[in-house]
Amino acid sequence: MTGPRAPSGAAADGPTRFARFAFPPNSLGYCGPEDHGALFEYGATGVVDGGLQELARRFHGAWPYLELIAGAHGIDDPLEGRVVDAYWLGGPLLDGIEVGTMGRSLDDRFRHRAGIGWRALTDSLLAGARLSHGFHVFAVYPWVGLLRSGSVDEPLRVLDRCRIRWGRVLEVDGAEATVASRPLTWNGVALGLGAPEPEVVHLGRDGTKLLDLRPGEAVALHWDWACERLDAPRLAHLRADTAHQLAAVNRVPASSGPAHLLG
């Protein structure tokens, strides 16, 4: 692995942050290429080279969103920091994408795979969803439809783990941290957020960490990993995007059904 490294103590750049967020589901075999070890190393070391960019392009769910966000704002690099932030955490770049542009992109990628579930995607857009990772979790994946059909425990668990959520570090113990975060809830009709609860998340493995954290810090979580230390603006973006996505999916008629996609 070659390429420049981020200076010690410096904020991670866009490609490195992408690697940190993409690694947890990739390590579970849910998306992206098989070489999750390389993805972890990129996220931990801060090295940025052509190998990392090639790995990112093989995330067939995330990469087209990054391209769409970047293209809508005349940004040449889909891994530019502002684009990566917008996809994983939300933010102002999502505000400038027209519904028609979003619809054409989704039509090209998903219509032939969605079948009758295509209506769920189009209803989500009309309800005001934005093209962050949260849209892919709540509108493209089938889990919300499964919740509405009466299967609760596993769909709710996967939705909660797969979304990007925030937490406050309570304690750090080696390569793990205890974090207080708000779990996703389902009342039989709508999704929401519960009161903060402690959970244990990974910071690293085999003696190498993605992040060094301290109690009191805010952090972004994906599956069972801490992926990003959140400053006040990024925390606000993630809170707002989560609220927006939940409100949008809760407005979609239950009759739309699940999208049945695993993009």
Protein backbone atom coordinates (compact mmCIF):
# COMPACT_ATOMS: atom_id res chain seq x y z
CA MET A 1 0.00 0.00 0.00
CA THR A 2 1.51 3.31 -1.08
CA GLY A 3 0.43 6.91 -1.09
CA PRO A 4 0.35 9.93 1.22
CA ARG A 5 -0.69 9.52 4.83
CA ALA A 6 -2.77 11.98 6.78
CA PRO A 7 -0.60 13.97 9.22
CA SER A 8 -0.77 12.82 12.82
CA GLY A 9 -3.74 14.43 14.54
CA ALA A 10 -5.17 15.82 11.31
CA ALA A 11 -8.80 15.33 10.32
CA ALA A 12 -9.21 12.38 7.96
CA ASP A 13 -9.76 13.19 4.32
CA GLY A 14 -12.74 12.10 2.20
CA PRO A 15 -11.36 8.77 0.91
CA THR A 16 -10.23 7.72 4.40
CA ARG A 17 -13.60 8.59 5.90
CA PHE A 18 -15.31 6.64 3.15
CA ALA A 19 -13.19 3.61 4.03
CA ARG A 20 -14.07 3.88 7.72
CA PHE A 21 -17.81 4.02 7.08
CA ALA A 22 -17.76 1.36 4.37
CA PHE A 23 -15.66 -1.15 6.29
CA PRO A 24 -18.24 -2.39 8.87
CA PRO A 25 -20.87 -3.73 6.41
CA ASN A 26 -18.13 -4.83 4.03
CA SER A 27 -16.53 -6.94 6.76
CA LEU A 28 -19.90 -8.66 7.24
CA GLY A 29 -20.18 -9.43 3.52
CA TYR A 30 -23.12 -7.11 2.90
CA CYS A 31 -21.67 -4.83 0.23
CA GLY A 32 -18.55 -4.00 -1.72
CA PRO A 33 -15.55 -6.13 -2.69
CA GLU A 34 -14.24 -9.04 -0.67
CA ASP A 35 -10.98 -7.42 0.46
CA HIS A 36 -12.25 -5.87 3.68
CA GLY A 37 -8.78 -6.19 5.19
CA ALA A 38 -7.41 -3.66 2.71
CA LEU A 39 -10.37 -1.36 3.37
CA PHE A 40 -9.67 -1.50 7.11
CA GLU A 41 -5.99 -0.70 6.54
CA TYR A 42 -6.87 2.31 4.42
CA GLY A 43 -9.23 3.56 7.10
CA ALA A 44 -6.68 3.05 9.86
CA THR A 45 -3.55 4.40 8.16
CA GLY A 46 -4.93 7.34 6.21
CA VAL A 47 -3.10 6.27 3.07
CA VAL A 48 -4.85 7.53 -0.08
CA ASP A 49 -3.97 5.96 -3.42
CA GLY A 50 -5.52 4.42 -6.50
CA GLY A 51 -6.20 1.16 -4.68
CA LEU A 52 -8.57 2.85 -2.25
CA GLN A 53 -10.41 4.61 -5.06
CA GLU A 54 -10.79 1.32 -6.93
CA LEU A 55 -12.23 -0.33 -3.81
CA ALA A 56 -14.69 2.55 -3.41
CA ARG A 57 -15.92 2.20 -7.01
CA ARG A 58 -16.82 -1.42 -6.29
CA PHE A 59 -19.42 -0.38 -3.72
CA HIS A 60 -22.25 -0.55 -6.23
CA GLY A 61 -24.76 0.83 -3.74
CA ALA A 62 -22.78 3.82 -2.45
CA TRP A 63 -20.66 4.84 -5.43
CA PRO A 64 -23.49 6.02 -7.74
CA TYR A 65 -24.85 8.21 -4.94
CA LEU A 66 -21.42 9.78 -4.49
CA GLU A 67 -21.21 10.38 -8.24
CA LEU A 68 -24.68 11.92 -8.30
CA ILE A 69 -24.00 14.25 -5.35
CA ALA A 70 -20.64 15.32 -6.79
CA GLY A 71 -22.02 15.82 -10.30
CA ALA A 72 -24.92 17.93 -9.10
CA HIS A 73 -22.44 20.43 -7.66
CA GLY A 74 -19.73 20.33 -10.32
CA ILE A 75 -17.30 18.42 -8.08
CA ASP A 76 -14.95 16.20 -10.08
CA ASP A 77 -14.04 13.73 -7.32
CA PRO A 78 -16.86 11.63 -5.79
CA LEU A 79 -14.58 11.01 -2.78
CA GLU A 80 -14.09 14.71 -2.08
CA GLY A 81 -14.69 15.33 1.63
CA ARG A 82 -17.89 17.33 1.31
CA VAL A 83 -19.41 14.63 -0.92
CA VAL A 84 -18.46 11.83 1.48
CA ASP A 85 -19.92 13.80 4.38
CA ALA A 86 -23.15 14.43 2.51
CA TYR A 87 -23.65 10.76 1.64
CA TRP A 88 -22.91 9.27 5.06
CA LEU A 89 -24.01 12.10 7.38
CA GLY A 90 -26.24 14.43 5.38
CA GLY A 91 -25.53 18.11 4.84
CA PRO A 92 -26.11 21.05 2.52
CA LEU A 93 -24.92 19.32 -0.67
CA LEU A 94 -28.06 17.16 -0.58
CA ASP A 95 -30.28 20.23 -0.76
CA GLY A 96 -29.24 21.12 -4.29
CA ILE A 97 -30.27 17.90 -6.02
CA GLU A 98 -33.55 18.10 -7.92
CA VAL A 99 -36.13 15.36 -7.52
CA GLY A 100 -36.06 14.75 -11.28
CA THR A 101 -32.31 14.12 -11.21
CA MET A 102 -32.71 11.72 -8.31
CA GLY A 103 -35.56 9.93 -10.02
CA ARG A 104 -33.66 9.42 -13.27
CA SER A 105 -30.66 8.03 -11.40
CA LEU A 106 -32.77 5.60 -9.42
CA ASP A 107 -34.73 4.63 -12.52
CA ASP A 108 -31.51 3.71 -14.32
CA ARG A 109 -30.22 1.66 -11.40
CA PHE A 110 -33.20 0.03 -9.77
CA ARG A 111 -36.44 -0.05 -11.79
CA HIS A 112 -35.65 -3.37 -13.48
CA ARG A 113 -34.81 -4.92 -10.10
CA ALA A 114 -37.59 -3.44 -7.99
CA GLY A 115 -40.64 -4.89 -9.72
CA ILE A 116 -43.74 -3.94 -7.78
CA GLY A 117 -41.52 -2.36 -5.12
CA TRP A 118 -40.66 0.48 -7.51
CA ARG A 119 -43.62 2.38 -6.14
CA ALA A 120 -42.00 2.46 -2.68
CA LEU A 121 -38.96 4.24 -4.07
CA THR A 122 -40.92 6.80 -6.04
CA ASP A 123 -43.24 7.42 -3.09
CA SER A 124 -40.17 7.99 -0.89
CA LEU A 125 -38.87 10.64 -3.25
CA LEU A 126 -42.25 12.35 -3.42
CA ALA A 127 -42.38 12.24 0.39
CA GLY A 128 -39.17 14.27 0.51
CA ALA A 129 -36.36 11.76 1.04
CA ARG A 130 -32.82 12.92 0.24
CA LEU A 131 -30.07 10.80 -1.29
CA SER A 132 -27.94 10.12 1.77
CA HIS A 133 -27.07 6.64 3.01
CA GLY A 134 -30.22 6.89 5.11
CA PHE A 135 -32.34 6.90 1.94
CA HIS A 136 -30.69 3.67 0.77
CA VAL A 137 -31.32 2.07 4.17
CA PHE A 138 -34.93 3.13 4.65
CA ALA A 139 -36.26 3.38 1.08
CA VAL A 140 -34.21 1.00 -1.06
CA TYR A 141 -33.62 -1.94 1.24
CA PRO A 142 -36.69 -4.11 1.98
CA TRP A 143 -36.62 -3.85 5.78
CA VAL A 144 -39.28 -1.16 6.28
CA GLY A 145 -41.66 -3.15 4.11
CA LEU A 146 -40.98 -6.22 6.22
CA LEU A 147 -41.74 -4.22 9.36
CA ARG A 148 -45.08 -3.21 7.90
CA SER A 149 -45.84 -6.81 7.01
CA GLY A 150 -45.48 -7.81 10.68
CA SER A 151 -41.90 -9.11 10.89
CA VAL A 152 -40.31 -6.83 13.47
CA ASP A 153 -37.26 -8.03 15.40
CA GLU A 154 -34.73 -8.75 12.65
CA PRO A 155 -35.78 -5.94 10.28
CA LEU A 156 -35.63 -3.41 13.13
CA ARG A 157 -32.21 -4.69 14.21
CA VAL A 158 -30.79 -4.47 10.70
CA LEU A 159 -32.24 -1.00 10.10
CA ASP A 160 -30.78 0.24 13.37
CA ARG A 161 -27.33 -1.21 12.69
CA CYS A 162 -27.20 -0.26 9.01
CA ARG A 163 -28.19 3.38 9.41
CA ILE A 164 -25.52 5.87 10.47
CA ARG A 165 -26.34 6.82 14.04
CA TRP A 166 -24.68 9.10 16.56
CA GLY A 167 -23.60 8.50 20.13
CA ARG A 168 -21.68 9.99 23.02
CA VAL A 169 -18.62 8.15 24.30
CA LEU A 170 -19.02 7.02 27.91
CA GLU A 171 -15.91 4.89 28.34
CA VAL A 172 -12.98 3.60 26.29
CA ASP A 173 -11.45 0.20 27.00
CA GLY A 174 -8.68 -0.71 24.58
CA ALA A 175 -10.18 -1.42 21.15
CA GLU A 176 -13.77 -0.95 22.36
CA ALA A 177 -15.85 1.95 23.57
CA THR A 178 -19.13 2.18 25.45
CA VAL A 179 -21.34 4.74 23.74
CA ALA A 180 -24.78 6.10 24.60
CA SER A 181 -26.95 6.15 21.46
CA ARG A 182 -30.64 6.36 20.62
CA PRO A 183 -32.02 3.07 19.24
CA LEU A 184 -34.49 2.89 16.39
CA THR A 185 -38.05 2.12 17.51
CA TRP A 186 -41.19 0.81 15.79
CA ASN A 187 -44.68 1.29 17.23
CA GLY A 188 -46.47 -0.75 14.59
CA VAL A 189 -47.11 2.29 12.42
CA ALA A 190 -44.03 4.53 12.39
CA LEU A 191 -40.30 4.49 13.02
CA GLY A 192 -38.79 6.70 15.71
CA LEU A 193 -35.89 7.04 18.12
CA GLY A 194 -35.86 5.85 21.72
CA ALA A 195 -34.06 7.22 24.78
CA PRO A 196 -30.25 6.88 24.78
CA GLU A 197 -28.95 3.46 25.79
CA PRO A 198 -25.37 2.22 26.28
CA GLU A 199 -23.85 -0.04 23.63
CA VAL A 200 -20.35 -1.37 23.07
CA VAL A 201 -18.72 -0.63 19.70
CA HIS A 202 -15.39 -1.51 18.12
CA LEU A 203 -12.60 0.98 17.57
CA GLY A 204 -10.11 -1.40 15.96
CA ARG A 205 -8.77 -4.91 15.68
CA ASP A 206 -5.47 -6.78 15.90
CA GLY A 207 -3.82 -3.90 17.72
CA THR A 208 -4.80 -1.26 15.12
CA LYS A 209 -7.53 1.34 15.60
CA LEU A 210 -9.66 3.28 13.17
CA LEU A 211 -10.16 5.96 15.82
CA ASP A 212 -8.77 7.06 19.19
CA LEU A 213 -11.65 8.39 21.26
CA ARG A 214 -12.12 10.01 24.65
CA PRO A 215 -15.15 10.05 26.94
CA GLY A 216 -17.53 12.87 26.12
CA GLU A 217 -16.83 12.92 22.39
CA ALA A 218 -19.62 12.54 19.83
CA VAL A 219 -19.11 9.78 17.30
CA ALA A 220 -20.82 8.36 14.21
CA LEU A 221 -21.60 4.63 14.36
CA HIS A 222 -22.16 2.09 11.58
CA TRP A 223 -23.08 -1.46 12.53
CA ASP A 224 -20.91 -2.23 15.58
CA TRP A 225 -18.10 0.21 14.80
CA ALA A 226 -17.25 3.81 15.63
CA CYS A 227 -16.35 5.41 12.29
CA GLU A 228 -16.04 9.17 12.70
CA ARG A 229 -15.51 11.70 15.45
CA LEU A 230 -18.29 14.26 15.02
CA ASP A 231 -17.77 17.98 15.40
CA ALA A 232 -20.83 20.14 16.06
CA PRO A 233 -21.74 20.78 12.38
CA ARG A 234 -21.45 17.12 11.35
CA LEU A 235 -23.46 16.01 14.38
CA ALA A 236 -26.16 18.52 13.48
CA HIS A 237 -26.18 17.28 9.87
CA LEU A 238 -26.58 13.66 10.96
CA ARG A 239 -29.36 14.48 13.41
CA ALA A 240 -31.21 16.50 10.80
CA ASP A 241 -30.78 13.92 8.05
CA THR A 242 -31.99 11.12 10.32
CA ALA A 243 -35.08 13.12 11.30
CA HIS A 244 -35.73 13.96 7.64
CA GLN A 245 -35.39 10.36 6.44
CA LEU A 246 -37.62 8.99 9.21
CA ALA A 247 -40.28 11.59 8.51
CA ALA A 248 -40.16 10.80 4.79
CA VAL A 249 -40.41 7.03 5.19
CA ASN A 250 -43.20 7.40 7.75
CA ARG A 251 -45.21 9.41 5.17
CA VAL A 252 -44.95 6.67 2.53
CA PRO A 253 -48.23 4.71 2.32
CA ALA A 254 -48.04 1.20 3.70
CA SER A 255 -49.62 0.01 0.48
CA SER A 256 -46.41 0.87 -1.38
CA GLY A 257 -44.82 -2.29 -0.05
CA PRO A 258 -41.12 -3.09 0.25
CA ALA A 259 -38.69 -2.25 -2.50
CA HIS A 260 -37.00 -5.68 -2.28
CA LEU A 261 -33.56 -4.42 -3.31
CA LEU A 262 -30.14 -5.27 -2.00
CA GLY A 263 -28.19 -2.79 -4.14
